[in-house]
N, C-alpha and C. Protein backbone atom coordinates (compact mmCIF):
# COMPACT_ATOMS: atom_id res chain seq x y z
N MET A 1 -35.47 -4.32 -10.18
CA MET A 1 -34.38 -3.45 -9.84
C MET A 1 -33.68 -3.90 -8.57
N SER A 2 -34.41 -4.50 -7.67
CA SER A 2 -33.81 -4.87 -6.40
C SER A 2 -32.87 -6.06 -6.55
N ASP A 3 -32.97 -6.81 -7.65
CA ASP A 3 -32.11 -7.97 -7.85
C ASP A 3 -30.71 -7.60 -8.34
N LEU A 4 -30.51 -6.39 -8.82
CA LEU A 4 -29.21 -5.98 -9.34
C LEU A 4 -28.27 -5.59 -8.19
N ASP A 5 -27.07 -6.09 -8.27
CA ASP A 5 -26.06 -5.69 -7.30
C ASP A 5 -25.24 -4.57 -7.91
N VAL A 6 -25.35 -3.42 -7.36
CA VAL A 6 -24.65 -2.26 -7.87
C VAL A 6 -23.42 -2.04 -7.00
N GLN A 7 -22.26 -1.99 -7.66
CA GLN A 7 -21.04 -1.74 -6.93
C GLN A 7 -20.62 -0.30 -7.15
N ILE A 8 -20.36 0.37 -6.09
CA ILE A 8 -19.93 1.75 -6.17
C ILE A 8 -18.41 1.75 -6.27
N PRO A 9 -17.87 2.43 -7.28
CA PRO A 9 -16.40 2.43 -7.43
C PRO A 9 -15.74 3.19 -6.28
N THR A 10 -14.64 2.63 -5.84
CA THR A 10 -13.88 3.27 -4.77
C THR A 10 -12.65 3.94 -5.36
N ALA A 11 -11.98 4.70 -4.56
CA ALA A 11 -10.77 5.40 -5.02
C ALA A 11 -9.69 4.37 -5.37
N PHE A 12 -9.10 4.52 -6.53
CA PHE A 12 -8.07 3.60 -7.00
C PHE A 12 -6.70 4.24 -6.80
N ASP A 13 -5.82 3.50 -6.15
CA ASP A 13 -4.45 3.99 -5.92
C ASP A 13 -3.51 3.17 -6.80
N PRO A 14 -2.96 3.76 -7.88
CA PRO A 14 -2.10 2.98 -8.78
C PRO A 14 -0.76 2.61 -8.14
N PHE A 15 -0.37 3.30 -7.07
CA PHE A 15 0.92 3.03 -6.44
C PHE A 15 0.81 2.11 -5.23
N ALA A 16 -0.38 1.58 -4.96
CA ALA A 16 -0.57 0.73 -3.80
C ALA A 16 0.27 -0.54 -3.90
N ASP A 17 0.31 -1.16 -5.09
CA ASP A 17 1.09 -2.38 -5.25
C ASP A 17 2.58 -2.11 -5.10
N ALA A 18 3.05 -1.01 -5.65
CA ALA A 18 4.47 -0.68 -5.58
C ALA A 18 4.88 -0.40 -4.14
N ASN A 19 4.04 0.31 -3.40
CA ASN A 19 4.36 0.62 -2.01
C ASN A 19 4.34 -0.64 -1.15
N ALA A 20 3.44 -1.56 -1.45
CA ALA A 20 3.37 -2.81 -0.68
C ALA A 20 4.60 -3.66 -0.93
N GLU A 21 5.11 -3.67 -2.17
CA GLU A 21 6.29 -4.46 -2.47
C GLU A 21 7.54 -3.87 -1.83
N ASP A 22 7.64 -2.53 -1.83
CA ASP A 22 8.83 -1.89 -1.29
C ASP A 22 8.87 -1.87 0.22
N SER A 23 7.74 -2.09 0.88
CA SER A 23 7.72 -1.97 2.33
C SER A 23 8.34 -3.18 3.01
N GLY A 24 8.57 -4.26 2.29
CA GLY A 24 9.11 -5.47 2.89
C GLY A 24 10.60 -5.37 3.14
N ALA A 25 11.19 -6.53 3.45
CA ALA A 25 12.62 -6.58 3.76
C ALA A 25 13.47 -6.45 2.51
N GLY A 26 12.88 -6.50 1.33
CA GLY A 26 13.64 -6.44 0.08
C GLY A 26 13.84 -5.04 -0.45
N THR A 27 13.80 -4.04 0.41
CA THR A 27 13.99 -2.67 -0.08
C THR A 27 15.41 -2.50 -0.57
N LYS A 28 15.54 -1.74 -1.64
CA LYS A 28 16.86 -1.53 -2.22
C LYS A 28 17.41 -0.21 -1.73
N GLU A 29 18.58 -0.27 -1.17
CA GLU A 29 19.30 0.93 -0.77
C GLU A 29 20.36 1.16 -1.83
N TYR A 30 20.15 2.16 -2.66
CA TYR A 30 21.07 2.42 -3.76
C TYR A 30 22.27 3.23 -3.29
N VAL A 31 23.41 2.95 -3.90
CA VAL A 31 24.61 3.77 -3.75
C VAL A 31 24.70 4.61 -5.02
N HIS A 32 24.72 5.92 -4.85
CA HIS A 32 24.74 6.83 -5.98
C HIS A 32 26.16 7.34 -6.19
N ILE A 33 26.65 7.16 -7.41
CA ILE A 33 27.98 7.66 -7.79
C ILE A 33 27.75 8.76 -8.83
N ARG A 34 28.14 9.97 -8.47
CA ARG A 34 27.88 11.12 -9.34
C ARG A 34 29.17 11.82 -9.70
N ILE A 35 29.10 12.60 -10.77
CA ILE A 35 30.23 13.42 -11.17
C ILE A 35 29.78 14.87 -11.21
N GLN A 36 30.66 15.76 -10.75
CA GLN A 36 30.39 17.19 -10.80
C GLN A 36 31.51 17.85 -11.57
N GLN A 37 31.14 18.66 -12.54
CA GLN A 37 32.14 19.36 -13.34
C GLN A 37 32.64 20.57 -12.57
N ARG A 38 33.94 20.73 -12.51
CA ARG A 38 34.51 21.93 -11.88
C ARG A 38 34.80 22.94 -12.98
N ASN A 39 36.05 23.25 -13.26
CA ASN A 39 36.34 24.17 -14.36
C ASN A 39 37.25 23.46 -15.37
N GLY A 40 36.93 23.66 -16.64
CA GLY A 40 37.73 23.04 -17.69
C GLY A 40 37.62 21.53 -17.68
N ARG A 41 38.76 20.85 -17.56
CA ARG A 41 38.79 19.39 -17.55
C ARG A 41 38.66 18.81 -16.15
N LYS A 42 38.62 19.66 -15.14
CA LYS A 42 38.58 19.20 -13.74
C LYS A 42 37.19 18.68 -13.39
N SER A 43 37.15 17.62 -12.61
CA SER A 43 35.86 17.08 -12.18
C SER A 43 36.00 16.47 -10.79
N LEU A 44 34.85 16.15 -10.20
CA LEU A 44 34.76 15.65 -8.85
C LEU A 44 33.78 14.49 -8.84
N THR A 45 34.16 13.37 -8.21
CA THR A 45 33.28 12.21 -8.12
C THR A 45 32.78 12.09 -6.69
N THR A 46 31.47 11.93 -6.51
CA THR A 46 30.90 11.78 -5.18
C THR A 46 30.23 10.41 -5.06
N VAL A 47 30.40 9.79 -3.89
CA VAL A 47 29.82 8.49 -3.58
C VAL A 47 28.90 8.69 -2.39
N GLN A 48 27.61 8.38 -2.55
CA GLN A 48 26.63 8.64 -1.52
C GLN A 48 25.74 7.42 -1.34
N GLY A 49 25.35 7.13 -0.11
CA GLY A 49 24.38 6.07 0.14
C GLY A 49 24.96 4.79 0.69
N LEU A 50 26.24 4.79 1.06
CA LEU A 50 26.81 3.59 1.68
C LEU A 50 26.20 3.41 3.06
N LYS A 51 26.16 2.18 3.53
CA LYS A 51 25.59 1.91 4.85
C LYS A 51 26.47 2.55 5.93
N LYS A 52 25.84 2.93 7.01
CA LYS A 52 26.55 3.60 8.09
C LYS A 52 27.47 2.65 8.85
N ALA A 53 27.29 1.34 8.66
CA ALA A 53 28.13 0.36 9.36
C ALA A 53 29.57 0.38 8.83
N PHE A 54 29.76 0.85 7.61
CA PHE A 54 31.09 0.87 7.01
C PHE A 54 31.86 2.09 7.49
N SER A 55 33.18 1.93 7.58
CA SER A 55 34.04 3.05 7.94
C SER A 55 34.38 3.81 6.66
N TYR A 56 33.84 5.00 6.55
CA TYR A 56 34.04 5.81 5.35
C TYR A 56 35.51 6.16 5.16
N ASN A 57 36.22 6.42 6.26
CA ASN A 57 37.63 6.80 6.15
C ASN A 57 38.49 5.65 5.63
N LYS A 58 38.18 4.41 6.02
CA LYS A 58 38.95 3.27 5.51
C LYS A 58 38.66 3.03 4.03
N ILE A 59 37.40 3.17 3.63
CA ILE A 59 37.05 3.03 2.22
C ILE A 59 37.75 4.10 1.40
N LEU A 60 37.73 5.34 1.92
CA LEU A 60 38.39 6.45 1.23
C LEU A 60 39.88 6.20 1.09
N LYS A 61 40.49 5.70 2.14
CA LYS A 61 41.94 5.42 2.11
C LYS A 61 42.27 4.41 1.02
N ASP A 62 41.48 3.35 0.92
CA ASP A 62 41.71 2.33 -0.12
C ASP A 62 41.45 2.89 -1.52
N LEU A 63 40.40 3.71 -1.66
CA LEU A 63 40.11 4.30 -2.97
C LEU A 63 41.25 5.22 -3.41
N LYS A 64 41.75 6.04 -2.50
CA LYS A 64 42.82 6.97 -2.83
C LYS A 64 44.08 6.22 -3.25
N LYS A 65 44.38 5.13 -2.53
CA LYS A 65 45.58 4.34 -2.84
C LYS A 65 45.43 3.61 -4.17
N GLU A 66 44.23 3.09 -4.42
CA GLU A 66 43.98 2.29 -5.63
C GLU A 66 44.02 3.14 -6.89
N PHE A 67 43.42 4.35 -6.84
CA PHE A 67 43.25 5.15 -8.05
C PHE A 67 44.19 6.34 -8.13
N CYS A 68 45.11 6.48 -7.19
CA CYS A 68 46.10 7.57 -7.20
C CYS A 68 45.42 8.93 -7.34
N CYS A 69 44.48 9.20 -6.46
CA CYS A 69 43.79 10.49 -6.48
C CYS A 69 43.59 10.94 -5.04
N ASN A 70 43.26 12.20 -4.87
CA ASN A 70 43.00 12.74 -3.55
C ASN A 70 41.51 12.68 -3.29
N GLY A 71 41.12 12.74 -2.01
CA GLY A 71 39.71 12.71 -1.68
C GLY A 71 39.47 13.06 -0.23
N THR A 72 38.19 13.19 0.11
CA THR A 72 37.81 13.53 1.47
C THR A 72 36.40 13.02 1.75
N VAL A 73 36.05 12.95 3.04
CA VAL A 73 34.70 12.61 3.46
C VAL A 73 34.03 13.89 3.94
N VAL A 74 32.89 14.23 3.34
CA VAL A 74 32.18 15.46 3.65
C VAL A 74 30.88 15.10 4.38
N GLN A 75 30.57 15.82 5.44
CA GLN A 75 29.31 15.63 6.17
C GLN A 75 28.27 16.58 5.61
N ASP A 76 27.21 16.03 5.00
CA ASP A 76 26.14 16.83 4.41
C ASP A 76 24.92 16.72 5.32
N PRO A 77 24.22 17.84 5.58
CA PRO A 77 23.06 17.76 6.47
C PRO A 77 21.92 16.91 5.93
N GLU A 78 21.71 16.88 4.62
CA GLU A 78 20.62 16.10 4.03
C GLU A 78 21.05 14.67 3.70
N LEU A 79 22.24 14.51 3.13
CA LEU A 79 22.67 13.22 2.60
C LEU A 79 23.51 12.41 3.56
N GLY A 80 23.97 12.99 4.64
CA GLY A 80 24.85 12.28 5.56
C GLY A 80 26.28 12.39 5.09
N GLN A 81 27.04 11.31 5.26
CA GLN A 81 28.44 11.33 4.85
C GLN A 81 28.55 11.01 3.36
N VAL A 82 29.36 11.80 2.66
CA VAL A 82 29.57 11.64 1.23
C VAL A 82 31.07 11.59 0.97
N ILE A 83 31.52 10.63 0.17
CA ILE A 83 32.93 10.54 -0.21
C ILE A 83 33.12 11.34 -1.49
N GLN A 84 34.13 12.22 -1.49
CA GLN A 84 34.46 13.00 -2.68
C GLN A 84 35.85 12.60 -3.14
N LEU A 85 35.99 12.37 -4.45
CA LEU A 85 37.28 12.02 -5.05
C LEU A 85 37.56 12.97 -6.21
N GLN A 86 38.84 13.22 -6.45
CA GLN A 86 39.23 14.05 -7.58
C GLN A 86 39.17 13.24 -8.86
N GLY A 87 38.71 13.88 -9.93
CA GLY A 87 38.70 13.24 -11.24
C GLY A 87 37.43 12.43 -11.47
N ASP A 88 37.32 11.88 -12.67
CA ASP A 88 36.19 11.06 -13.05
C ASP A 88 36.49 9.61 -12.68
N GLN A 89 36.05 9.18 -11.51
CA GLN A 89 36.34 7.85 -11.00
C GLN A 89 35.08 6.98 -10.91
N ARG A 90 34.07 7.28 -11.69
CA ARG A 90 32.78 6.59 -11.55
C ARG A 90 32.90 5.10 -11.80
N LYS A 91 33.48 4.72 -12.92
CA LYS A 91 33.60 3.29 -13.25
C LYS A 91 34.54 2.59 -12.25
N ASN A 92 35.64 3.26 -11.91
CA ASN A 92 36.60 2.68 -10.98
C ASN A 92 35.97 2.41 -9.62
N VAL A 93 35.21 3.39 -9.11
CA VAL A 93 34.59 3.24 -7.79
C VAL A 93 33.55 2.13 -7.82
N SER A 94 32.76 2.05 -8.87
CA SER A 94 31.72 1.02 -8.92
C SER A 94 32.34 -0.38 -8.95
N THR A 95 33.39 -0.59 -9.75
CA THR A 95 34.03 -1.91 -9.78
C THR A 95 34.72 -2.21 -8.45
N PHE A 96 35.29 -1.19 -7.81
CA PHE A 96 35.94 -1.39 -6.51
C PHE A 96 34.92 -1.83 -5.45
N LEU A 97 33.77 -1.15 -5.40
CA LEU A 97 32.76 -1.48 -4.39
C LEU A 97 32.20 -2.88 -4.59
N VAL A 98 32.06 -3.31 -5.85
CA VAL A 98 31.55 -4.65 -6.13
C VAL A 98 32.59 -5.70 -5.78
N GLN A 99 33.85 -5.47 -6.17
CA GLN A 99 34.91 -6.45 -5.89
C GLN A 99 35.20 -6.58 -4.40
N ALA A 100 35.07 -5.48 -3.66
CA ALA A 100 35.31 -5.51 -2.22
C ALA A 100 34.14 -6.14 -1.47
N GLY A 101 33.02 -6.32 -2.13
CA GLY A 101 31.86 -6.92 -1.49
C GLY A 101 31.07 -5.94 -0.64
N ILE A 102 31.26 -4.67 -0.86
CA ILE A 102 30.56 -3.66 -0.07
C ILE A 102 29.12 -3.49 -0.57
N VAL A 103 28.95 -3.51 -1.90
CA VAL A 103 27.64 -3.29 -2.51
C VAL A 103 27.49 -4.27 -3.67
N LYS A 104 26.26 -4.72 -3.91
CA LYS A 104 25.99 -5.53 -5.10
C LYS A 104 25.88 -4.62 -6.31
N LYS A 105 26.16 -5.18 -7.47
CA LYS A 105 26.15 -4.39 -8.71
C LYS A 105 24.77 -3.83 -9.00
N ASP A 106 23.71 -4.55 -8.60
CA ASP A 106 22.34 -4.09 -8.86
C ASP A 106 21.98 -2.85 -8.04
N ASN A 107 22.69 -2.61 -6.93
CA ASN A 107 22.36 -1.51 -6.04
C ASN A 107 23.19 -0.27 -6.29
N ILE A 108 23.92 -0.21 -7.41
CA ILE A 108 24.74 0.95 -7.73
C ILE A 108 24.08 1.71 -8.88
N LYS A 109 23.94 3.01 -8.71
CA LYS A 109 23.45 3.88 -9.78
C LYS A 109 24.53 4.89 -10.10
N ILE A 110 24.94 4.93 -11.38
CA ILE A 110 25.95 5.86 -11.83
C ILE A 110 25.25 6.99 -12.57
N HIS A 111 25.52 8.23 -12.15
CA HIS A 111 24.88 9.40 -12.73
C HIS A 111 25.92 10.24 -13.47
N GLY A 112 25.45 11.04 -14.39
CA GLY A 112 26.31 12.01 -15.06
C GLY A 112 26.61 11.66 -16.49
N PHE A 113 26.72 12.70 -17.29
CA PHE A 113 27.04 12.66 -18.72
C PHE A 113 26.16 11.63 -19.40
């Protein structure tokens, strides 16, 4: 009996590998583009998660000019600054952010419907 090496199982953490991979410099900061339904055909597009180094007002100005819609920058206590645009501009905003070089296509998540 003394010749047997008995290993006692330890606690297994299935998320240990995922946490180790995400802790490095390759963390993904996603930009979330969402749509909110107002009443009837009216809708609102929100853009959240842009880096703080960018000027939200300049991005908003270009978006408004490009897509002929109104918009504003809203300060949210949990999410920080959020860009709001009138209408369903999800596809337009995602292509604009990629073409302007603000965000890579892999880091954009489009939500809704």
